[in-house]
Amino acid sequence: MSKSENLYAAARQVIPGGVNSPVRAFTGVGGVPLFIERADGAYLYDADGKAYIDYVGSWGPMVLGHNHPAIRNAVIEAVERGLSFGAPTEMEVKMAELVCELVPTMDMVRMVNSGTEATMSAIRPGSRLHRPR
């Protein structure tokens, strides 16, 4: 058995379906999900050391690839300041200003932590405006 197969067997004992992402579809086609150990540039490497071109990009955030030194160093610097504060920060203001500068038609930015939250944030104002009176 491959290391990914062993990991999948172990995962099914403690994680419903054995995975926490859309790779559940592997079982529908008779396969085993790849368990990724590391990534670099445009490549993912599974637990058995096999390389794959990453066409998924972690569903969006890895559009610039994995492990670029400048990005990695910026992340390390940010982590050294703290991971999560549950309060506003100067960096989020700077990021919102940069997004508004890069997208001239955008006046404001709402940062959320998931696609679900983004969709809810977009729907709520519209539903308030269009309620029957």
N, C-alpha and C. Protein backbone atom coordinates (compact mmCIF):
# COMPACT_ATOMS: atom_id res chain seq x y z
N MET A 1 0.84 -1.20 0.00
CA MET A 1 0.00 0.00 0.00
C MET A 1 0.88 1.25 0.00
N SER A 2 0.41 2.29 -0.69
CA SER A 2 1.14 3.56 -0.70
C SER A 2 0.91 4.29 0.62
N LYS A 3 1.74 5.27 0.88
CA LYS A 3 1.58 6.07 2.10
C LYS A 3 0.25 6.82 2.07
N SER A 4 -0.16 7.32 0.87
CA SER A 4 -1.46 8.00 0.76
C SER A 4 -2.60 7.04 1.10
N GLU A 5 -2.50 5.79 0.65
CA GLU A 5 -3.55 4.80 0.97
C GLU A 5 -3.60 4.54 2.47
N ASN A 6 -2.43 4.41 3.09
CA ASN A 6 -2.38 4.20 4.54
C ASN A 6 -2.94 5.41 5.29
N LEU A 7 -2.58 6.61 4.84
CA LEU A 7 -3.09 7.82 5.48
C LEU A 7 -4.61 7.93 5.31
N TYR A 8 -5.10 7.56 4.14
CA TYR A 8 -6.54 7.61 3.89
C TYR A 8 -7.27 6.63 4.81
N ALA A 9 -6.72 5.43 4.97
CA ALA A 9 -7.33 4.44 5.86
C ALA A 9 -7.36 4.98 7.30
N ALA A 10 -6.27 5.58 7.74
CA ALA A 10 -6.22 6.15 9.09
C ALA A 10 -7.18 7.32 9.21
N ALA A 11 -7.25 8.16 8.19
CA ALA A 11 -8.12 9.34 8.22
C ALA A 11 -9.59 8.95 8.32
N ARG A 12 -9.99 7.88 7.63
CA ARG A 12 -11.40 7.45 7.68
C ARG A 12 -11.83 7.05 9.09
N GLN A 13 -10.87 6.75 9.95
CA GLN A 13 -11.20 6.38 11.33
C GLN A 13 -11.51 7.60 12.20
N VAL A 14 -11.02 8.77 11.79
CA VAL A 14 -11.17 9.95 12.65
C VAL A 14 -11.76 11.17 11.94
N ILE A 15 -11.92 11.11 10.62
CA ILE A 15 -12.48 12.22 9.84
C ILE A 15 -13.61 11.66 8.98
N PRO A 16 -14.84 12.18 9.09
CA PRO A 16 -15.93 11.67 8.27
C PRO A 16 -15.57 11.70 6.78
N GLY A 17 -15.65 10.55 6.14
CA GLY A 17 -15.30 10.44 4.72
C GLY A 17 -13.80 10.40 4.49
N GLY A 18 -13.02 10.59 5.53
CA GLY A 18 -11.57 10.51 5.42
C GLY A 18 -10.88 11.76 4.91
N VAL A 19 -11.65 12.79 4.58
CA VAL A 19 -11.06 14.03 4.06
C VAL A 19 -11.89 15.23 4.52
N ASN A 20 -11.28 16.41 4.49
CA ASN A 20 -11.97 17.65 4.85
C ASN A 20 -12.05 18.60 3.68
N SER A 21 -12.15 18.08 2.48
CA SER A 21 -12.17 18.94 1.30
C SER A 21 -12.89 18.23 0.17
N PRO A 22 -13.02 18.89 -0.99
CA PRO A 22 -13.75 18.29 -2.11
C PRO A 22 -13.12 17.04 -2.70
N VAL A 23 -11.99 16.57 -2.18
CA VAL A 23 -11.39 15.37 -2.75
C VAL A 23 -12.19 14.11 -2.44
N ARG A 24 -13.31 14.26 -1.75
CA ARG A 24 -14.18 13.10 -1.51
C ARG A 24 -14.57 12.43 -2.83
N ALA A 25 -14.57 13.18 -3.91
CA ALA A 25 -14.97 12.64 -5.21
C ALA A 25 -14.07 11.50 -5.67
N PHE A 26 -12.87 11.39 -5.13
CA PHE A 26 -11.98 10.30 -5.52
C PHE A 26 -12.65 8.95 -5.32
N THR A 27 -13.39 8.78 -4.22
CA THR A 27 -14.01 7.49 -3.96
C THR A 27 -15.08 7.18 -5.00
N GLY A 28 -15.70 8.19 -5.56
CA GLY A 28 -16.72 7.99 -6.58
C GLY A 28 -16.17 7.45 -7.89
N VAL A 29 -14.89 7.62 -8.10
CA VAL A 29 -14.27 7.12 -9.34
C VAL A 29 -13.27 6.00 -9.05
N GLY A 30 -13.37 5.45 -7.84
CA GLY A 30 -12.54 4.30 -7.50
C GLY A 30 -11.11 4.63 -7.12
N GLY A 31 -10.86 5.85 -6.70
CA GLY A 31 -9.49 6.23 -6.35
C GLY A 31 -9.33 6.53 -4.88
N VAL A 32 -8.13 6.88 -4.53
CA VAL A 32 -7.78 7.29 -3.17
C VAL A 32 -7.27 8.72 -3.26
N PRO A 33 -7.71 9.61 -2.37
CA PRO A 33 -7.22 10.99 -2.43
C PRO A 33 -5.71 11.04 -2.20
N LEU A 34 -5.08 11.98 -2.86
CA LEU A 34 -3.65 12.19 -2.66
C LEU A 34 -3.45 12.93 -1.35
N PHE A 35 -2.57 12.46 -0.53
CA PHE A 35 -2.22 13.16 0.69
C PHE A 35 -0.96 13.95 0.40
N ILE A 36 -1.08 15.26 0.42
CA ILE A 36 0.01 16.14 0.03
C ILE A 36 0.92 16.40 1.22
N GLU A 37 2.20 16.28 0.98
CA GLU A 37 3.20 16.49 2.03
C GLU A 37 3.85 17.87 1.96
N ARG A 38 4.02 18.37 0.73
CA ARG A 38 4.65 19.68 0.59
C ARG A 38 4.33 20.22 -0.80
N ALA A 39 4.68 21.49 -1.01
CA ALA A 39 4.47 22.13 -2.31
C ALA A 39 5.58 23.13 -2.55
N ASP A 40 5.89 23.34 -3.83
CA ASP A 40 6.91 24.32 -4.20
C ASP A 40 6.62 24.80 -5.61
N GLY A 41 6.51 26.11 -5.77
CA GLY A 41 6.22 26.66 -7.10
C GLY A 41 4.87 26.16 -7.59
N ALA A 42 4.86 25.56 -8.77
CA ALA A 42 3.62 25.06 -9.37
C ALA A 42 3.38 23.59 -9.06
N TYR A 43 4.15 23.02 -8.14
CA TYR A 43 4.09 21.58 -7.91
C TYR A 43 3.67 21.23 -6.49
N LEU A 44 2.89 20.13 -6.41
CA LEU A 44 2.54 19.50 -5.15
C LEU A 44 3.29 18.17 -5.10
N TYR A 45 3.65 17.74 -3.91
CA TYR A 45 4.33 16.46 -3.73
C TYR A 45 3.53 15.64 -2.73
N ASP A 46 3.15 14.42 -3.14
CA ASP A 46 2.33 13.61 -2.24
C ASP A 46 3.19 12.92 -1.19
N ALA A 47 2.52 12.21 -0.30
CA ALA A 47 3.19 11.55 0.81
C ALA A 47 4.19 10.50 0.33
N ASP A 48 4.05 10.05 -0.91
CA ASP A 48 4.97 9.06 -1.47
C ASP A 48 6.07 9.71 -2.30
N GLY A 49 6.10 11.06 -2.33
CA GLY A 49 7.16 11.78 -3.03
C GLY A 49 6.91 12.05 -4.50
N LYS A 50 5.74 11.68 -5.00
CA LYS A 50 5.42 11.91 -6.41
C LYS A 50 5.00 13.37 -6.63
N ALA A 51 5.50 13.98 -7.71
CA ALA A 51 5.20 15.39 -8.02
C ALA A 51 4.00 15.50 -8.95
N TYR A 52 3.21 16.55 -8.73
CA TYR A 52 2.04 16.84 -9.56
C TYR A 52 2.02 18.34 -9.85
N ILE A 53 1.60 18.71 -11.05
CA ILE A 53 1.36 20.13 -11.33
C ILE A 53 0.09 20.52 -10.59
N ASP A 54 0.14 21.61 -9.87
CA ASP A 54 -1.00 22.06 -9.07
C ASP A 54 -1.92 22.94 -9.91
N TYR A 55 -2.95 22.33 -10.45
CA TYR A 55 -3.94 23.08 -11.23
C TYR A 55 -5.04 23.65 -10.32
N VAL A 56 -5.09 23.24 -9.06
CA VAL A 56 -6.14 23.67 -8.15
C VAL A 56 -5.77 24.96 -7.42
N GLY A 57 -4.51 25.12 -7.07
CA GLY A 57 -4.07 26.34 -6.38
C GLY A 57 -4.77 26.57 -5.06
N SER A 58 -5.08 25.47 -4.34
CA SER A 58 -5.79 25.54 -3.06
C SER A 58 -7.12 26.30 -3.22
N TRP A 59 -7.75 26.12 -4.36
CA TRP A 59 -9.03 26.73 -4.70
C TRP A 59 -8.94 28.25 -4.75
N GLY A 60 -7.78 28.79 -5.08
CA GLY A 60 -7.65 30.23 -5.31
C GLY A 60 -6.47 30.92 -4.68
N PRO A 61 -6.20 30.71 -3.39
CA PRO A 61 -5.16 31.53 -2.76
C PRO A 61 -3.74 31.28 -3.23
N MET A 62 -3.48 30.20 -3.93
CA MET A 62 -2.11 29.90 -4.37
C MET A 62 -1.89 30.26 -5.84
N VAL A 63 -2.56 31.28 -6.31
CA VAL A 63 -2.45 31.69 -7.71
C VAL A 63 -1.02 32.06 -8.08
N LEU A 64 -0.21 32.48 -7.11
CA LEU A 64 1.19 32.82 -7.38
C LEU A 64 2.13 31.64 -7.15
N GLY A 65 1.56 30.48 -6.86
CA GLY A 65 2.39 29.30 -6.62
C GLY A 65 2.67 29.14 -5.13
N HIS A 66 3.42 28.10 -4.83
CA HIS A 66 3.72 27.74 -3.45
C HIS A 66 5.15 28.11 -3.08
N ASN A 67 5.32 28.61 -1.88
CA ASN A 67 6.63 28.73 -1.26
C ASN A 67 7.56 29.75 -1.92
N HIS A 68 7.01 30.77 -2.55
CA HIS A 68 7.87 31.81 -3.14
C HIS A 68 8.57 32.52 -1.98
N PRO A 69 9.89 32.72 -2.08
CA PRO A 69 10.64 33.30 -0.95
C PRO A 69 10.10 34.64 -0.46
N ALA A 70 9.72 35.54 -1.35
CA ALA A 70 9.22 36.85 -0.92
C ALA A 70 7.90 36.71 -0.16
N ILE A 71 7.02 35.85 -0.65
CA ILE A 71 5.73 35.64 0.02
C ILE A 71 5.95 34.92 1.35
N ARG A 72 6.78 33.89 1.34
CA ARG A 72 7.06 33.15 2.57
C ARG A 72 7.63 34.09 3.65
N ASN A 73 8.58 34.95 3.27
CA ASN A 73 9.17 35.88 4.24
C ASN A 73 8.15 36.88 4.76
N ALA A 74 7.26 37.36 3.89
CA ALA A 74 6.21 38.28 4.34
C ALA A 74 5.26 37.60 5.32
N VAL A 75 4.95 36.33 5.06
CA VAL A 75 4.08 35.58 5.97
C VAL A 75 4.78 35.39 7.32
N ILE A 76 6.05 35.04 7.29
CA ILE A 76 6.80 34.87 8.54
C ILE A 76 6.80 36.17 9.35
N GLU A 77 7.04 37.30 8.68
CA GLU A 77 7.02 38.59 9.38
C GLU A 77 5.65 38.87 10.00
N ALA A 78 4.59 38.55 9.26
CA ALA A 78 3.24 38.78 9.78
C ALA A 78 2.96 37.87 10.97
N VAL A 79 3.36 36.61 10.88
CA VAL A 79 3.13 35.66 11.97
C VAL A 79 3.88 36.08 13.23
N GLU A 80 5.05 36.65 13.05
CA GLU A 80 5.83 37.09 14.22
C GLU A 80 5.14 38.22 14.97
N ARG A 81 4.24 38.96 14.30
CA ARG A 81 3.48 40.03 14.97
C ARG A 81 2.25 39.47 15.67
N GLY A 82 1.84 38.26 15.33
CA GLY A 82 0.67 37.63 15.92
C GLY A 82 -0.20 37.02 14.84
N LEU A 83 -0.99 36.01 15.21
CA LEU A 83 -1.78 35.29 14.22
C LEU A 83 -3.20 35.81 14.05
N SER A 84 -3.88 36.07 15.14
CA SER A 84 -5.27 36.50 15.05
C SER A 84 -5.58 37.33 16.29
N PHE A 85 -6.21 38.46 16.09
CA PHE A 85 -6.44 39.36 17.21
C PHE A 85 -7.92 39.52 17.56
N GLY A 86 -8.81 39.20 16.65
CA GLY A 86 -10.22 39.41 16.92
C GLY A 86 -10.57 40.88 17.05
N ALA A 87 -9.73 41.73 16.45
CA ALA A 87 -9.93 43.18 16.50
C ALA A 87 -9.32 43.78 15.24
N PRO A 88 -9.74 44.98 14.87
CA PRO A 88 -9.20 45.61 13.66
C PRO A 88 -7.69 45.84 13.77
N THR A 89 -7.03 45.84 12.62
CA THR A 89 -5.58 46.08 12.57
C THR A 89 -5.25 47.10 11.48
N GLU A 90 -4.08 47.72 11.62
CA GLU A 90 -3.61 48.66 10.60
C GLU A 90 -3.42 47.95 9.26
N MET A 91 -2.95 46.71 9.29
CA MET A 91 -2.69 45.99 8.04
C MET A 91 -3.96 45.76 7.22
N GLU A 92 -5.09 45.52 7.89
CA GLU A 92 -6.31 45.32 7.12
C GLU A 92 -6.76 46.63 6.47
N VAL A 93 -6.51 47.76 7.12
CA VAL A 93 -6.82 49.06 6.51
C VAL A 93 -5.94 49.26 5.28
N LYS A 94 -4.64 48.99 5.42
CA LYS A 94 -3.72 49.13 4.29
C LYS A 94 -4.11 48.21 3.14
N MET A 95 -4.51 46.98 3.47
CA MET A 95 -4.91 46.05 2.41
C MET A 95 -6.16 46.55 1.70
N ALA A 96 -7.14 47.03 2.44
CA ALA A 96 -8.36 47.55 1.83
C ALA A 96 -8.06 48.75 0.95
N GLU A 97 -7.17 49.63 1.42
CA GLU A 97 -6.78 50.79 0.61
C GLU A 97 -6.11 50.34 -0.69
N LEU A 98 -5.25 49.33 -0.61
CA LEU A 98 -4.57 48.83 -1.80
C LEU A 98 -5.56 48.21 -2.78
N VAL A 99 -6.51 47.43 -2.28
CA VAL A 99 -7.52 46.83 -3.16
C VAL A 99 -8.31 47.93 -3.85
N CYS A 100 -8.74 48.94 -3.11
CA CYS A 100 -9.50 50.05 -3.71
C CYS A 100 -8.67 50.81 -4.73
N GLU A 101 -7.37 50.93 -4.48
CA GLU A 101 -6.48 51.60 -5.43
C GLU A 101 -6.33 50.78 -6.71
N LEU A 102 -6.22 49.47 -6.56
CA LEU A 102 -6.02 48.59 -7.73
C LEU A 102 -7.30 48.35 -8.51
N VAL A 103 -8.45 48.50 -7.85
CA VAL A 103 -9.75 48.31 -8.51
C VAL A 103 -10.49 49.64 -8.37
N PRO A 104 -10.30 50.56 -9.33
CA PRO A 104 -10.83 51.92 -9.20
C PRO A 104 -12.34 52.00 -9.01
N THR A 105 -13.08 51.01 -9.47
CA THR A 105 -14.54 51.05 -9.31
C THR A 105 -14.99 50.58 -7.93
N MET A 106 -14.05 50.18 -7.10
CA MET A 106 -14.38 49.69 -5.76
C MET A 106 -14.16 50.80 -4.74
N ASP A 107 -15.20 51.09 -3.98
CA ASP A 107 -15.12 52.14 -2.96
C ASP A 107 -14.73 51.60 -1.59
N MET A 108 -15.19 50.39 -1.31
CA MET A 108 -14.95 49.80 0.01
C MET A 108 -14.69 48.31 -0.15
N VAL A 109 -14.12 47.71 0.90
CA VAL A 109 -13.79 46.29 0.89
C VAL A 109 -14.35 45.65 2.15
N ARG A 110 -14.99 44.52 1.99
CA ARG A 110 -15.45 43.73 3.15
C ARG A 110 -14.64 42.44 3.13
N MET A 111 -13.84 42.20 4.18
CA MET A 111 -13.02 40.98 4.25
C MET A 111 -13.72 39.96 5.13
N VAL A 112 -13.85 38.76 4.60
CA VAL A 112 -14.53 37.67 5.32
C VAL A 112 -13.65 36.43 5.26
N ASN A 113 -14.06 35.39 5.98
CA ASN A 113 -13.21 34.21 6.07
C ASN A 113 -13.67 33.01 5.26
N SER A 114 -14.73 33.15 4.48
CA SER A 114 -15.18 32.01 3.67
C SER A 114 -16.06 32.49 2.53
N GLY A 115 -16.24 31.64 1.56
CA GLY A 115 -17.14 31.94 0.45
C GLY A 115 -18.57 32.08 0.93
N THR A 116 -18.95 31.28 1.91
CA THR A 116 -20.30 31.36 2.47
C THR A 116 -20.53 32.73 3.10
N GLU A 117 -19.57 33.18 3.89
CA GLU A 117 -19.71 34.49 4.54
C GLU A 117 -19.73 35.61 3.50
N ALA A 118 -18.94 35.47 2.44
CA ALA A 118 -18.93 36.48 1.38
C ALA A 118 -20.29 36.55 0.70
N THR A 119 -20.87 35.39 0.41
CA THR A 119 -22.18 35.35 -0.24
C THR A 119 -23.24 35.96 0.67
N MET A 120 -23.21 35.59 1.94
CA MET A 120 -24.18 36.16 2.89
C MET A 120 -24.04 37.67 2.99
N SER A 121 -22.80 38.15 3.00
CA SER A 121 -22.56 39.60 3.08
C SER A 121 -23.08 40.32 1.85
N ALA A 122 -23.05 39.66 0.72
CA ALA A 122 -23.53 40.27 -0.52
C ALA A 122 -25.06 40.24 -0.61
N ILE A 123 -25.66 39.19 -0.09
CA ILE A 123 -27.12 39.03 -0.20
C ILE A 123 -27.87 39.90 0.81
N ARG A 124 -27.38 40.00 2.01
CA ARG A 124 -28.10 40.73 3.07
C ARG A 124 -28.48 42.16 2.71
N PRO A 125 -27.57 42.99 2.22
CA PRO A 125 -27.99 44.37 1.89
C PRO A 125 -29.07 44.40 0.81
N GLY A 126 -28.95 43.54 -0.17
CA GLY A 126 -29.95 43.51 -1.23
C GLY A 126 -31.30 43.07 -0.73
N SER A 127 -31.32 42.08 0.16
CA SER A 127 -32.60 41.61 0.67
C SER A 127 -33.27 42.66 1.55
N ARG A 128 -32.49 43.46 2.25
CA ARG A 128 -33.06 44.54 3.07
C ARG A 128 -33.68 45.63 2.19
N LEU A 129 -33.06 45.89 1.06
CA LEU A 129 -33.56 46.93 0.16
C LEU A 129 -34.82 46.50 -0.59
N HIS A 130 -34.99 45.21 -0.78
CA HIS A 130 -36.09 44.73 -1.62
C HIS A 130 -37.15 43.96 -0.85
N ARG A 131 -37.27 44.21 0.43
CA ARG A 131 -38.33 43.56 1.22
C ARG A 131 -39.67 44.19 0.86
N PRO A 132 -40.70 43.37 0.79
CA PRO A 132 -42.04 43.94 0.55
C PRO A 132 -42.43 44.85 1.71
N ARG A 133 -43.08 45.93 1.40
CA ARG A 133 -43.48 46.91 2.44
C ARG A 133 -44.94 46.80 2.73
